[in-house]
Amino acid sequence: MTTPRFEHHIFVCTHERDEGRSCCSAAGGLAVLERFRNSLRERGLTARIRANRSGCLDACSCGPTVVIYPAGVWYGGVAPADVDEIIDSHLVSGKPVERLLLRCSTDKCDRPGGCC
């Protein structure tokens, strides 16, 4: 068995929907992606952690939505200001950022103010 190239893979939704509908692009998904890429580069982590844009993750009203693999941890409402905390707490120290976690299904949300 081969070793994976990256320890973590970050997917940031940058999907654009029709005008008037919630989407991660309009909520700032590209700015979040750029902050991940810049922060990873500044910390010298690009050989271990990869940040990529993603298409729709089907959590549009929660956006920008971020999913981190291999753990499959979902974050919602992520702003560029949250990125360093996600990197330091989750990716470096192994502790997901509780306040940003999405723990919802399509019919139920557990976050104050709603999510999905």
PDB file of N, CA and C in Angstrom:
ATOM      1  N   MET A   1       0.840  -1.186   0.000  1.00  0.00           N
ATOM      2  CA  MET A   1       0.000   0.000   0.000  1.00  0.00           C
ATOM      3  C   MET A   1       0.883   1.248   0.000  1.00  0.00           C
ATOM      4  N   THR A   2       0.502   2.236  -0.788  1.00  0.00           N
ATOM      5  CA  THR A   2       1.292   3.457  -0.869  1.00  0.00           C
ATOM      6  C   THR A   2       0.806   4.488   0.144  1.00  0.00           C
ATOM      7  N   THR A   3       1.702   5.381   0.508  1.00  0.00           N
ATOM      8  CA  THR A   3       1.367   6.464   1.428  1.00  0.00           C
ATOM      9  C   THR A   3       0.691   7.578   0.634  1.00  0.00           C
ATOM     10  N   PRO A   4      -0.407   8.141   1.150  1.00  0.00           N
ATOM     11  CA  PRO A   4      -1.060   9.240   0.437  1.00  0.00           C
ATOM     12  C   PRO A   4      -0.117  10.421   0.288  1.00  0.00           C
ATOM     13  N   ARG A   5      -0.272  11.153  -0.796  1.00  0.00           N
ATOM     14  CA  ARG A   5       0.585  12.304  -1.054  1.00  0.00           C
ATOM     15  C   ARG A   5       0.376  13.404  -0.018  1.00  0.00           C
ATOM     16  N   PHE A   6      -0.877  13.612   0.400  1.00  0.00           N
ATOM     17  CA  PHE A   6      -1.189  14.653   1.373  1.00  0.00           C
ATOM     18  C   PHE A   6      -1.796  14.038   2.626  1.00  0.00           C
ATOM     19  N   GLU A   7      -1.473  14.614   3.780  1.00  0.00           N
ATOM     20  CA  GLU A   7      -2.066  14.171   5.039  1.00  0.00           C
ATOM     21  C   GLU A   7      -3.516  14.634   5.146  1.00  0.00           C
ATOM     22  N   HIS A   8      -3.777  15.829   4.629  1.00  0.00           N
ATOM     23  CA  HIS A   8      -5.123  16.404   4.650  1.00  0.00           C
ATOM     24  C   HIS A   8      -5.413  17.024   3.294  1.00  0.00           C
ATOM     25  N   HIS A   9      -6.660  16.927   2.903  1.00  0.00           N
ATOM     26  CA  HIS A   9      -7.118  17.564   1.668  1.00  0.00           C
ATOM     27  C   HIS A   9      -8.318  18.426   2.024  1.00  0.00           C
ATOM     28  N   ILE A  10      -8.232  19.713   1.736  1.00  0.00           N
ATOM     29  CA  ILE A  10      -9.277  20.687   2.057  1.00  0.00           C
ATOM     30  C   ILE A  10     -10.037  21.008   0.782  1.00  0.00           C
ATOM     31  N   PHE A  11     -11.354  20.874   0.832  1.00  0.00           N
ATOM     32  CA  PHE A  11     -12.199  21.254  -0.290  1.00  0.00           C
ATOM     33  C   PHE A  11     -13.061  22.437   0.138  1.00  0.00           C
ATOM     34  N   VAL A  12     -12.954  23.528  -0.597  1.00  0.00           N
ATOM     35  CA  VAL A  12     -13.719  24.740  -0.313  1.00  0.00           C
ATOM     36  C   VAL A  12     -14.715  24.934  -1.444  1.00  0.00           C
ATOM     37  N   CYS A  13     -15.991  24.956  -1.111  1.00  0.00           N
ATOM     38  CA  CYS A  13     -17.011  25.141  -2.137  1.00  0.00           C
ATOM     39  C   CYS A  13     -16.931  26.562  -2.698  1.00  0.00           C
ATOM     40  N   THR A  14     -16.868  26.650  -4.009  1.00  0.00           N
ATOM     41  CA  THR A  14     -16.876  27.939  -4.706  1.00  0.00           C
ATOM     42  C   THR A  14     -17.977  27.959  -5.763  1.00  0.00           C
ATOM     43  N   HIS A  15     -18.956  27.091  -5.590  1.00  0.00           N
ATOM     44  CA  HIS A  15     -20.041  26.936  -6.563  1.00  0.00           C
ATOM     45  C   HIS A  15     -20.876  28.215  -6.683  1.00  0.00           C
ATOM     46  N   GLU A  16     -21.240  28.553  -7.919  1.00  0.00           N
ATOM     47  CA  GLU A  16     -22.106  29.703  -8.189  1.00  0.00           C
ATOM     48  C   GLU A  16     -23.473  29.214  -8.619  1.00  0.00           C
ATOM     49  N   ARG A  17     -24.513  29.786  -8.017  1.00  0.00           N
ATOM     50  CA  ARG A  17     -25.887  29.450  -8.376  1.00  0.00           C
ATOM     51  C   ARG A  17     -26.544  30.662  -9.022  1.00  0.00           C
ATOM     52  N   ASP A  18     -27.739  30.439  -9.525  1.00  0.00           N
ATOM     53  CA  ASP A  18     -28.488  31.526 -10.138  1.00  0.00           C
ATOM     54  C   ASP A  18     -28.664  32.679  -9.156  1.00  0.00           C
ATOM     55  N   GLU A  19     -28.723  33.881  -9.697  1.00  0.00           N
ATOM     56  CA  GLU A  19     -28.895  35.077  -8.882  1.00  0.00           C
ATOM     57  C   GLU A  19     -30.103  34.937  -7.954  1.00  0.00           C
ATOM     58  N   GLY A  20     -29.922  35.376  -6.716  1.00  0.00           N
ATOM     59  CA  GLY A  20     -31.007  35.321  -5.753  1.00  0.00           C
ATOM     60  C   GLY A  20     -31.040  34.050  -4.918  1.00  0.00           C
ATOM     61  N   ARG A  21     -30.214  33.071  -5.244  1.00  0.00           N
ATOM     62  CA  ARG A  21     -30.174  31.820  -4.482  1.00  0.00           C
ATOM     63  C   ARG A  21     -28.874  31.765  -3.694  1.00  0.00           C
ATOM     64  N   SER A  22     -28.938  31.205  -2.488  1.00  0.00           N
ATOM     65  CA  SER A  22     -27.746  31.068  -1.654  1.00  0.00           C
ATOM     66  C   SER A  22     -26.697  30.238  -2.363  1.00  0.00           C
ATOM     67  N   CYS A  23     -25.436  30.664  -2.239  1.00  0.00           N
ATOM     68  CA  CYS A  23     -24.344  29.859  -2.772  1.00  0.00           C
ATOM     69  C   CYS A  23     -23.041  30.236  -2.087  1.00  0.00           C
ATOM     70  N   CYS A  24     -22.118  29.311  -2.103  1.00  0.00           N
ATOM     71  CA  CYS A  24     -20.838  29.527  -1.430  1.00  0.00           C
ATOM     72  C   CYS A  24     -19.990  30.585  -2.133  1.00  0.00           C
ATOM     73  N   SER A  25     -20.127  30.696  -3.433  1.00  0.00           N
ATOM     74  CA  SER A  25     -19.371  31.716  -4.154  1.00  0.00           C
ATOM     75  C   SER A  25     -19.761  33.114  -3.676  1.00  0.00           C
ATOM     76  N   ALA A  26     -21.049  33.395  -3.650  1.00  0.00           N
ATOM     77  CA  ALA A  26     -21.527  34.713  -3.216  1.00  0.00           C
ATOM     78  C   ALA A  26     -21.228  34.967  -1.737  1.00  0.00           C
ATOM     79  N   ALA A  27     -21.102  33.901  -0.947  1.00  0.00           N
ATOM     80  CA  ALA A  27     -20.817  34.042   0.485  1.00  0.00           C
ATOM     81  C   ALA A  27     -19.326  34.216   0.767  1.00  0.00           C
ATOM     82  N   GLY A  28     -18.481  34.149  -0.267  1.00  0.00           N
ATOM     83  CA  GLY A  28     -17.052  34.392  -0.077  1.00  0.00           C
ATOM     84  C   GLY A  28     -16.163  33.170  -0.175  1.00  0.00           C
ATOM     85  N   GLY A  29     -16.622  32.131  -0.842  1.00  0.00           N
ATOM     86  CA  GLY A  29     -15.848  30.896  -0.958  1.00  0.00           C
ATOM     87  C   GLY A  29     -14.466  31.076  -1.568  1.00  0.00           C
ATOM     88  N   LEU A  30     -14.346  31.912  -2.596  1.00  0.00           N
ATOM     89  CA  LEU A  30     -13.040  32.116  -3.221  1.00  0.00           C
ATOM     90  C   LEU A  30     -12.054  32.793  -2.272  1.00  0.00           C
ATOM     91  N   ALA A  31     -12.526  33.743  -1.477  1.00  0.00           N
ATOM     92  CA  ALA A  31     -11.657  34.405  -0.504  1.00  0.00           C
ATOM     93  C   ALA A  31     -11.182  33.416   0.559  1.00  0.00           C
ATOM     94  N   VAL A  32     -12.061  32.496   0.965  1.00  0.00           N
ATOM     95  CA  VAL A  32     -11.687  31.467   1.944  1.00  0.00           C
ATOM     96  C   VAL A  32     -10.624  30.549   1.338  1.00  0.00           C
ATOM     97  N   LEU A  33     -10.826  30.125   0.102  1.00  0.00           N
ATOM     98  CA  LEU A  33      -9.855  29.264  -0.572  1.00  0.00           C
ATOM     99  C   LEU A  33      -8.498  29.950  -0.666  1.00  0.00           C
ATOM    100  N   GLU A  34      -8.485  31.198  -1.087  1.00  0.00           N
ATOM    101  CA  GLU A  34      -7.218  31.930  -1.211  1.00  0.00           C
ATOM    102  C   GLU A  34      -6.526  32.071   0.137  1.00  0.00           C
ATOM    103  N   ARG A  35      -7.292  32.298   1.206  1.00  0.00           N
ATOM    104  CA  ARG A  35      -6.691  32.403   2.539  1.00  0.00           C
ATOM    105  C   ARG A  35      -6.081  31.072   2.963  1.00  0.00           C
ATOM    106  N   PHE A  36      -6.772  29.952   2.688  1.00  0.00           N
ATOM    107  CA  PHE A  36      -6.191  28.639   2.982  1.00  0.00           C
ATOM    108  C   PHE A  36      -4.876  28.470   2.226  1.00  0.00           C
ATOM    109  N   ARG A  37      -4.885  28.737   0.947  1.00  0.00           N
ATOM    110  CA  ARG A  37      -3.678  28.544   0.140  1.00  0.00           C
ATOM    111  C   ARG A  37      -2.530  29.418   0.637  1.00  0.00           C
ATOM    112  N   ASN A  38      -2.810  30.683   0.903  1.00  0.00           N
ATOM    113  CA  ASN A  38      -1.763  31.590   1.382  1.00  0.00           C
ATOM    114  C   ASN A  38      -1.240  31.178   2.748  1.00  0.00           C
ATOM    115  N   SER A  39      -2.130  30.827   3.663  1.00  0.00           N
ATOM    116  CA  SER A  39      -1.722  30.444   5.017  1.00  0.00           C
ATOM    117  C   SER A  39      -0.912  29.150   5.018  1.00  0.00           C
ATOM    118  N   LEU A  40      -1.321  28.192   4.208  1.00  0.00           N
ATOM    119  CA  LEU A  40      -0.565  26.943   4.110  1.00  0.00           C
ATOM    120  C   LEU A  40       0.829  27.210   3.553  1.00  0.00           C
ATOM    121  N   ARG A  41       0.912  28.062   2.541  1.00  0.00           N
ATOM    122  CA  ARG A  41       2.205  28.424   1.944  1.00  0.00           C
ATOM    123  C   ARG A  41       3.088  29.136   2.972  1.00  0.00           C
ATOM    124  N   GLU A  42       2.521  30.107   3.690  1.00  0.00           N
ATOM    125  CA  GLU A  42       3.276  30.860   4.693  1.00  0.00           C
ATOM    126  C   GLU A  42       3.825  29.956   5.796  1.00  0.00           C
ATOM    127  N   ARG A  43       3.101  28.907   6.137  1.00  0.00           N
ATOM    128  CA  ARG A  43       3.509  27.988   7.209  1.00  0.00           C
ATOM    129  C   ARG A  43       4.378  26.837   6.709  1.00  0.00           C
ATOM    130  N   GLY A  44       4.591  26.768   5.406  1.00  0.00           N
ATOM    131  CA  GLY A  44       5.394  25.683   4.838  1.00  0.00           C
ATOM    132  C   GLY A  44       4.694  24.335   4.881  1.00  0.00           C
ATOM    133  N   LEU A  45       3.380  24.339   4.777  1.00  0.00           N
ATOM    134  CA  LEU A  45       2.593  23.109   4.898  1.00  0.00           C
ATOM    135  C   LEU A  45       2.080  22.556   3.561  1.00  0.00           C
ATOM    136  N   THR A  46       2.458  23.146   2.446  1.00  0.00           N
ATOM    137  CA  THR A  46       1.873  22.735   1.170  1.00  0.00           C
ATOM    138  C   THR A  46       2.287  21.337   0.720  1.00  0.00           C
ATOM    139  N   ALA A  47       3.349  20.785   1.273  1.00  0.00           N
ATOM    140  CA  ALA A  47       3.732  19.417   0.932  1.00  0.00           C
ATOM    141  C   ALA A  47       2.872  18.401   1.685  1.00  0.00           C
ATOM    142  N   ARG A  48       2.248  18.832   2.794  1.00  0.00           N
ATOM    143  CA  ARG A  48       1.444  17.939   3.627  1.00  0.00           C
ATOM    144  C   ARG A  48      -0.055  18.148   3.490  1.00  0.00           C
ATOM    145  N   ILE A  49      -0.462  19.383   3.149  1.00  0.00           N
ATOM    146  CA  ILE A  49      -1.885  19.738   3.135  1.00  0.00           C
ATOM    147  C   ILE A  49      -2.199  20.450   1.825  1.00  0.00           C
ATOM    148  N   ARG A  50      -3.269  20.037   1.185  1.00  0.00           N
ATOM    149  CA  ARG A  50      -3.667  20.613  -0.101  1.00  0.00           C
ATOM    150  C   ARG A  50      -5.037  21.260   0.020  1.00  0.00           C
ATOM    151  N   ALA A  51      -5.186  22.479  -0.505  1.00  0.00           N
ATOM    152  CA  ALA A  51      -6.482  23.172  -0.536  1.00  0.00           C
ATOM    153  C   ALA A  51      -6.928  23.308  -1.984  1.00  0.00           C
ATOM    154  N   ASN A  52      -8.149  22.851  -2.258  1.00  0.00           N
ATOM    155  CA  ASN A  52      -8.709  22.903  -3.604  1.00  0.00           C
ATOM    156  C   ASN A  52     -10.103  23.494  -3.593  1.00  0.00           C
ATOM    157  N   ARG A  53     -10.483  24.079  -4.717  1.00  0.00           N
ATOM    158  CA  ARG A  53     -11.867  24.508  -4.895  1.00  0.00           C
ATOM    159  C   ARG A  53     -12.707  23.272  -5.163  1.00  0.00           C
ATOM    160  N   SER A  54     -13.959  23.369  -4.791  1.00  0.00           N
ATOM    161  CA  SER A  54     -14.879  22.270  -5.013  1.00  0.00           C
ATOM    162  C   SER A  54     -16.135  22.813  -5.671  1.00  0.00           C
ATOM    163  N   GLY A  55     -16.832  21.938  -6.342  1.00  0.00           N
ATOM    164  CA  GLY A  55     -18.159  22.273  -6.828  1.00  0.00           C
ATOM    165  C   GLY A  55     -19.130  22.212  -5.659  1.00  0.00           C
ATOM    166  N   CYS A  56     -20.390  22.173  -5.962  1.00  0.00           N
ATOM    167  CA  CYS A  56     -21.421  22.207  -4.933  1.00  0.00           C
ATOM    168  C   CYS A  56     -21.298  21.031  -3.969  1.00  0.00           C
ATOM    169  N   LEU A  57     -21.330  21.352  -2.681  1.00  0.00           N
ATOM    170  CA  LEU A  57     -21.298  20.345  -1.622  1.00  0.00           C
ATOM    171  C   LEU A  57     -22.684  20.136  -1.025  1.00  0.00           C
ATOM    172  N   ASP A  58     -23.683  20.772  -1.630  1.00  0.00           N
ATOM    173  CA  ASP A  58     -25.085  20.592  -1.259  1.00  0.00           C
ATOM    174  C   ASP A  58     -25.411  21.094   0.150  1.00  0.00           C
ATOM    175  N   ALA A  59     -24.730  22.164   0.540  1.00  0.00           N
ATOM    176  CA  ALA A  59     -25.009  22.825   1.817  1.00  0.00           C
ATOM    177  C   ALA A  59     -24.953  24.335   1.581  1.00  0.00           C
ATOM    178  N   CYS A  60     -25.640  24.768   0.526  1.00  0.00           N
ATOM    179  CA  CYS A  60     -25.520  26.136   0.024  1.00  0.00           C
ATOM    180  C   CYS A  60     -25.841  27.215   1.056  1.00  0.00           C
ATOM    181  N   SER A  61     -26.860  27.012   1.840  1.00  0.00           N
ATOM    182  CA  SER A  61     -27.235  28.039   2.805  1.00  0.00           C
ATOM    183  C   SER A  61     -26.315  28.056   4.021  1.00  0.00           C
ATOM    184  N   CYS A  62     -25.366  27.124   4.077  1.00  0.00           N
ATOM    185  CA  CYS A  62     -24.400  27.057   5.180  1.00  0.00           C
ATOM    186  C   CYS A  62     -23.073  27.691   4.795  1.00  0.00           C
ATOM    187  N   GLY A  63     -22.958  28.168   3.589  1.00  0.00           N
ATOM    188  CA  GLY A  63     -21.678  28.541   3.022  1.00  0.00           C
ATOM    189  C   GLY A  63     -21.026  29.792   3.572  1.00  0.00           C
ATOM    190  N   PRO A  64     -19.771  29.910   3.240  1.00  0.00           N
ATOM    191  CA  PRO A  64     -18.958  28.957   2.510  1.00  0.00           C
ATOM    192  C   PRO A  64     -18.746  27.667   3.306  1.00  0.00           C
ATOM    193  N   THR A  65     -18.831  26.561   2.575  1.00  0.00           N
ATOM    194  CA  THR A  65     -18.690  25.248   3.167  1.00  0.00           C
ATOM    195  C   THR A  65     -17.292  24.714   2.867  1.00  0.00           C
ATOM    196  N   VAL A  66     -16.677  24.082   3.876  1.00  0.00           N
ATOM    197  CA  VAL A  66     -15.340  23.498   3.753  1.00  0.00           C
ATOM    198  C   VAL A  66     -15.426  22.062   4.271  1.00  0.00           C
ATOM    199  N   VAL A  67     -14.817  21.127   3.537  1.00  0.00           N
ATOM    200  CA  VAL A  67     -14.739  19.738   3.978  1.00  0.00           C
ATOM    201  C   VAL A  67     -13.269  19.342   4.004  1.00  0.00           C
ATOM    202  N   ILE A  68     -12.867  18.697   5.090  1.00  0.00           N
ATOM    203  CA  ILE A  68     -11.477  18.275   5.239  1.00  0.00           C
ATOM    204  C   ILE A  68     -11.429  16.755   5.305  1.00  0.00           C
ATOM    205  N   TYR A  69     -10.630  16.182   4.395  1.00  0.00           N
ATOM    206  CA  TYR A  69     -10.414  14.735   4.343  1.00  0.00           C
ATOM    207  C   TYR A  69      -8.977  14.431   4.714  1.00  0.00           C
ATOM    208  N   PRO A  70      -8.697  13.267   5.278  1.00  0.00           N
ATOM    209  CA  PRO A  70      -9.516  12.072   5.220  1.00  0.00           C
ATOM    210  C   PRO A  70     -10.564  11.959   6.325  1.00  0.00           C
ATOM    211  N   ALA A  71     -10.575  12.853   7.289  1.00  0.00           N
ATOM    212  CA  ALA A  71     -11.503  12.724   8.415  1.00  0.00           C
ATOM    213  C   ALA A  71     -12.961  12.972   8.032  1.00  0.00           C
ATOM    214  N   GLY A  72     -13.212  13.696   6.950  1.00  0.00           N
ATOM    215  CA  GLY A  72     -14.587  13.984   6.558  1.00  0.00           C
ATOM    216  C   GLY A  72     -15.251  14.995   7.463  1.00  0.00           C
ATOM    217  N   VAL A  73     -14.496  15.963   7.954  1.00  0.00           N
ATOM    218  CA  VAL A  73     -15.034  16.997   8.832  1.00  0.00           C
ATOM    219  C   VAL A  73     -15.570  18.144   7.974  1.00  0.00           C
ATOM    220  N   TRP A  74     -16.819  18.548   8.268  1.00  0.00           N
ATOM    221  CA  TRP A  74     -17.495  19.609   7.516  1.00  0.00           C
ATOM    222  C   TRP A  74     -17.589  20.871   8.365  1.00  0.00           C
ATOM    223  N   TYR A  75     -17.234  21.993   7.744  1.00  0.00           N
ATOM    224  CA  TYR A  75     -17.368  23.301   8.374  1.00  0.00           C
ATOM    225  C   TYR A  75     -18.309  24.164   7.536  1.00  0.00           C
ATOM    226  N   GLY A  76     -19.044  25.042   8.200  1.00  0.00           N
ATOM    227  CA  GLY A  76     -19.949  25.945   7.495  1.00  0.00           C
ATOM    228  C   GLY A  76     -19.814  27.367   7.989  1.00  0.00           C
ATOM    229  N   GLY A  77     -20.174  28.302   7.117  1.00  0.00           N
ATOM    230  CA  GLY A  77     -20.092  29.714   7.460  1.00  0.00           C
ATOM    231  C   GLY A  77     -18.665  30.158   7.690  1.00  0.00           C
ATOM    232  N   VAL A  78     -17.728  29.548   6.975  1.00  0.00           N
ATOM    233  CA  VAL A  78     -16.308  29.844   7.173  1.00  0.00           C
ATOM    234  C   VAL A  78     -15.961  31.167   6.500  1.00  0.00           C
ATOM    235  N   ALA A  79     -15.284  32.015   7.245  1.00  0.00           N
ATOM    236  CA  ALA A  79     -14.795  33.304   6.734  1.00  0.00           C
ATOM    237  C   ALA A  79     -13.273  33.233   6.638  1.00  0.00           C
ATOM    238  N   PRO A  80     -12.668  34.090   5.821  1.00  0.00           N
ATOM    239  CA  PRO A  80     -11.203  34.107   5.759  1.00  0.00           C
ATOM    240  C   PRO A  80     -10.557  34.240   7.142  1.00  0.00           C
ATOM    241  N   ALA A  81     -11.185  34.970   8.040  1.00  0.00           N
ATOM    242  CA  ALA A  81     -10.649  35.148   9.402  1.00  0.00           C
ATOM    243  C   ALA A  81     -10.653  33.852  10.213  1.00  0.00           C
ATOM    244  N   ASP A  82     -11.407  32.837   9.789  1.00  0.00           N
ATOM    245  CA  ASP A  82     -11.472  31.552  10.490  1.00  0.00           C
ATOM    246  C   ASP A  82     -10.395  30.570  10.042  1.00  0.00           C
ATOM    247  N   VAL A  83      -9.787  30.833   8.915  1.00  0.00           N
ATOM    248  CA  VAL A  83      -8.886  29.870   8.291  1.00  0.00           C
ATOM    249  C   VAL A  83      -7.680  29.537   9.163  1.00  0.00           C
ATOM    250  N   ASP A  84      -7.024  30.527   9.745  1.00  0.00           N
ATOM    251  CA  ASP A  84      -5.845  30.250  10.565  1.00  0.00           C
ATOM    252  C   ASP A  84      -6.198  29.378  11.765  1.00  0.00           C
ATOM    253  N   GLU A  85      -7.374  29.601  12.348  1.00  0.00           N
ATOM    254  CA  GLU A  85      -7.815  28.770  13.466  1.00  0.00           C
ATOM    255  C   GLU A  85      -8.039  27.324  13.020  1.00  0.00           C
ATOM    256  N   ILE A  86      -8.624  27.130  11.847  1.00  0.00           N
ATOM    257  CA  ILE A  86      -8.835  25.775  11.330  1.00  0.00           C
ATOM    258  C   ILE A  86      -7.489  25.096  11.088  1.00  0.00           C
ATOM    259  N   ILE A  87      -6.550  25.816  10.502  1.00  0.00           N
ATOM    260  CA  ILE A  87      -5.229  25.232  10.245  1.00  0.00           C
ATOM    261  C   ILE A  87      -4.544  24.869  11.559  1.00  0.00           C
ATOM    262  N   ASP A  88      -4.461  25.832  12.474  1.00  0.00           N
ATOM    263  CA  ASP A  88      -3.729  25.600  13.727  1.00  0.00           C
ATOM    264  C   ASP A  88      -4.396  24.556  14.611  1.00  0.00           C
ATOM    265  N   SER A  89      -5.705  24.672  14.798  1.00  0.00           N
ATOM    266  CA  SER A  89      -6.408  23.779  15.711  1.00  0.00           C
ATOM    267  C   SER A  89      -6.640  22.405  15.094  1.00  0.00           C
ATOM    268  N   HIS A  90      -7.224  22.371  13.919  1.00  0.00           N
ATOM    269  CA  HIS A  90      -7.618  21.090  13.318  1.00  0.00           C
ATOM    270  C   HIS A  90      -6.466  20.407  12.594  1.00  0.00           C
ATOM    271  N   LEU A  91      -5.881  21.090  11.635  1.00  0.00           N
ATOM    272  CA  LEU A  91      -4.912  20.434  10.766  1.00  0.00           C
ATOM    273  C   LEU A  91      -3.559  20.194  11.429  1.00  0.00           C
ATOM    274  N   VAL A  92      -3.135  21.091  12.282  1.00  0.00           N
ATOM    275  CA  VAL A  92      -1.847  20.929  12.958  1.00  0.00           C
ATOM    276  C   VAL A  92      -1.997  20.186  14.285  1.00  0.00           C
ATOM    277  N   SER A  93      -3.014  20.561  15.079  1.00  0.00           N
ATOM    278  CA  SER A  93      -3.158  19.987  16.424  1.00  0.00           C
ATOM    279  C   SER A  93      -4.195  18.868  16.528  1.00  0.00           C
ATOM    280  N   GLY A  94      -4.977  18.628  15.477  1.00  0.00           N
ATOM    281  CA  GLY A  94      -5.927  17.521  15.486  1.00  0.00           C
ATOM    282  C   GLY A  94      -7.239  17.772  16.204  1.00  0.00           C
ATOM    283  N   LYS A  95      -7.539  19.043  16.526  1.00  0.00           N
ATOM    284  CA  LYS A  95      -8.782  19.372  17.230  1.00  0.00           C
ATOM    285  C   LYS A  95      -9.679  20.210  16.324  1.00  0.00           C
ATOM    286  N   PRO A  96     -10.776  19.631  15.808  1.00  0.00           N
ATOM    287  CA  PRO A  96     -11.693  20.405  14.964  1.00  0.00           C
ATOM    288  C   PRO A  96     -12.211  21.649  15.692  1.00  0.00           C
ATOM    289  N   VAL A  97     -12.527  22.663  14.921  1.00  0.00           N
ATOM    290  CA  VAL A  97     -13.043  23.923  15.459  1.00  0.00           C
ATOM    291  C   VAL A  97     -14.547  23.759  15.659  1.00  0.00           C
ATOM    292  N   GLU A  98     -14.944  23.506  16.896  1.00  0.00           N
ATOM    293  CA  GLU A  98     -16.331  23.170  17.226  1.00  0.00           C
ATOM    294  C   GLU A  98     -17.343  24.211  16.740  1.00  0.00           C
ATOM    295  N   ARG A  99     -17.055  25.477  16.899  1.00  0.00           N
ATOM    296  CA  ARG A  99     -18.032  26.521  16.580  1.00  0.00           C
ATOM    297  C   ARG A  99     -18.378  26.585  15.095  1.00  0.00           C
ATOM    298  N   LEU A 100     -17.554  25.989  14.243  1.00  0.00           N
ATOM    299  CA  LEU A 100     -17.799  26.033  12.797  1.00  0.00           C
ATOM    300  C   LEU A 100     -18.291  24.700  12.221  1.00  0.00           C
ATOM    301  N   LEU A 101     -18.363  23.673  13.051  1.00  0.00           N
ATOM    302  CA  LEU A 101     -18.747  22.347  12.555  1.00  0.00           C
ATOM    303  C   LEU A 101     -20.183  22.315  12.056  1.00  0.00           C
ATOM    304  N   LEU A 102     -20.377  21.620  10.959  1.00  0.00           N
ATOM    305  CA  LEU A 102     -21.731  21.327  10.465  1.00  0.00           C
ATOM    306  C   LEU A 102     -22.069  19.921  10.898  1.00  0.00           C
ATOM    307  N   ARG A 103     -23.152  19.788  11.612  1.00  0.00           N
ATOM    308  CA  ARG A 103     -23.617  18.465  12.059  1.00  0.00           C
ATOM    309  C   ARG A 103     -25.077  18.313  11.662  1.00  0.00           C
ATOM    310  N   CYS A 104     -25.374  18.589  10.435  1.00  0.00           N
ATOM    311  CA  CYS A 104     -26.780  18.587  10.044  1.00  0.00           C
ATOM    312  C   CYS A 104     -27.030  17.656   8.873  1.00  0.00           C
ATOM    313  N   SER A 105     -28.248  17.273   8.761  1.00  0.00           N
ATOM    314  CA  SER A 105     -28.698  16.522   7.603  1.00  0.00           C
ATOM    315  C   SER A 105     -29.538  17.484   6.768  1.00  0.00           C
ATOM    316  N   THR A 106     -30.123  16.991   5.717  1.00  0.00           N
ATOM    317  CA  THR A 106     -30.913  17.874   4.867  1.00  0.00           C
ATOM    318  C   THR A 106     -32.198  18.355   5.543  1.00  0.00           C
ATOM    319  N   ASP A 107     -32.630  17.686   6.608  1.00  0.00           N
ATOM    320  CA  ASP A 107     -33.891  18.078   7.235  1.00  0.00           C
ATOM    321  C   ASP A 107     -33.736  18.618   8.664  1.00  0.00           C
ATOM    322  N   LYS A 108     -32.513  18.656   9.190  1.00  0.00           N
ATOM    323  CA  LYS A 108     -32.334  19.094  10.569  1.00  0.00           C
ATOM    324  C   LYS A 108     -30.969  19.754  10.739  1.00  0.00           C
ATOM    325  N   CYS A 109     -30.933  20.823  11.479  1.00  0.00           N
ATOM    326  CA  CYS A 109     -29.684  21.527  11.742  1.00  0.00           C
ATOM    327  C   CYS A 109     -29.558  21.770  13.238  1.00  0.00           C
ATOM    328  N   ASP A 110     -28.344  21.601  13.759  1.00  0.00           N
ATOM    329  CA  ASP A 110     -28.137  21.803  15.190  1.00  0.00           C
ATOM    330  C   ASP A 110     -27.411  23.116  15.513  1.00  0.00           C
ATOM    331  N   ARG A 111     -27.169  23.974  14.520  1.00  0.00           N
ATOM    332  CA  ARG A 111     -26.445  25.219  14.765  1.00  0.00           C
ATOM    333  C   ARG A 111     -27.414  26.345  15.063  1.00  0.00           C
ATOM    334  N   PRO A 112     -27.081  27.184  16.053  1.00  0.00           N
ATOM    335  CA  PRO A 112     -27.929  28.350  16.323  1.00  0.00           C
ATOM    336  C   PRO A 112     -28.045  29.211  15.069  1.00  0.00           C
ATOM    337  N   GLY A 113     -29.222  29.627  14.741  1.00  0.00           N
ATOM    338  CA  GLY A 113     -29.422  30.435  13.544  1.00  0.00           C
ATOM    339  C   GLY A 113     -29.606  29.608  12.287  1.00  0.00           C
ATOM    340  N   GLY A 114     -29.485  28.301  12.401  1.00  0.00           N
ATOM    341  CA  GLY A 114     -29.714  27.440  11.245  1.00  0.00           C
ATOM    342  C   GLY A 114     -28.471  27.202  10.421  1.00  0.00           C
ATOM    343  N   CYS A 115     -28.570  26.298   9.505  1.00  0.00           N
ATOM    344  CA  CYS A 115     -27.490  26.033   8.560  1.00  0.00           C
ATOM    345  C   CYS A 115     -28.072  25.486   7.282  1.00  0.00           C
ATOM    346  N   CYS A 116     -28.180  24.200   7.159  1.00  0.00           N
ATOM    347  CA  CYS A 116     -28.566  23.596   5.881  1.00  0.00           C
ATOM    348  C   CYS A 116     -30.020  23.809   5.500  1.00  0.00           C
TER     349      CYS A 116
END
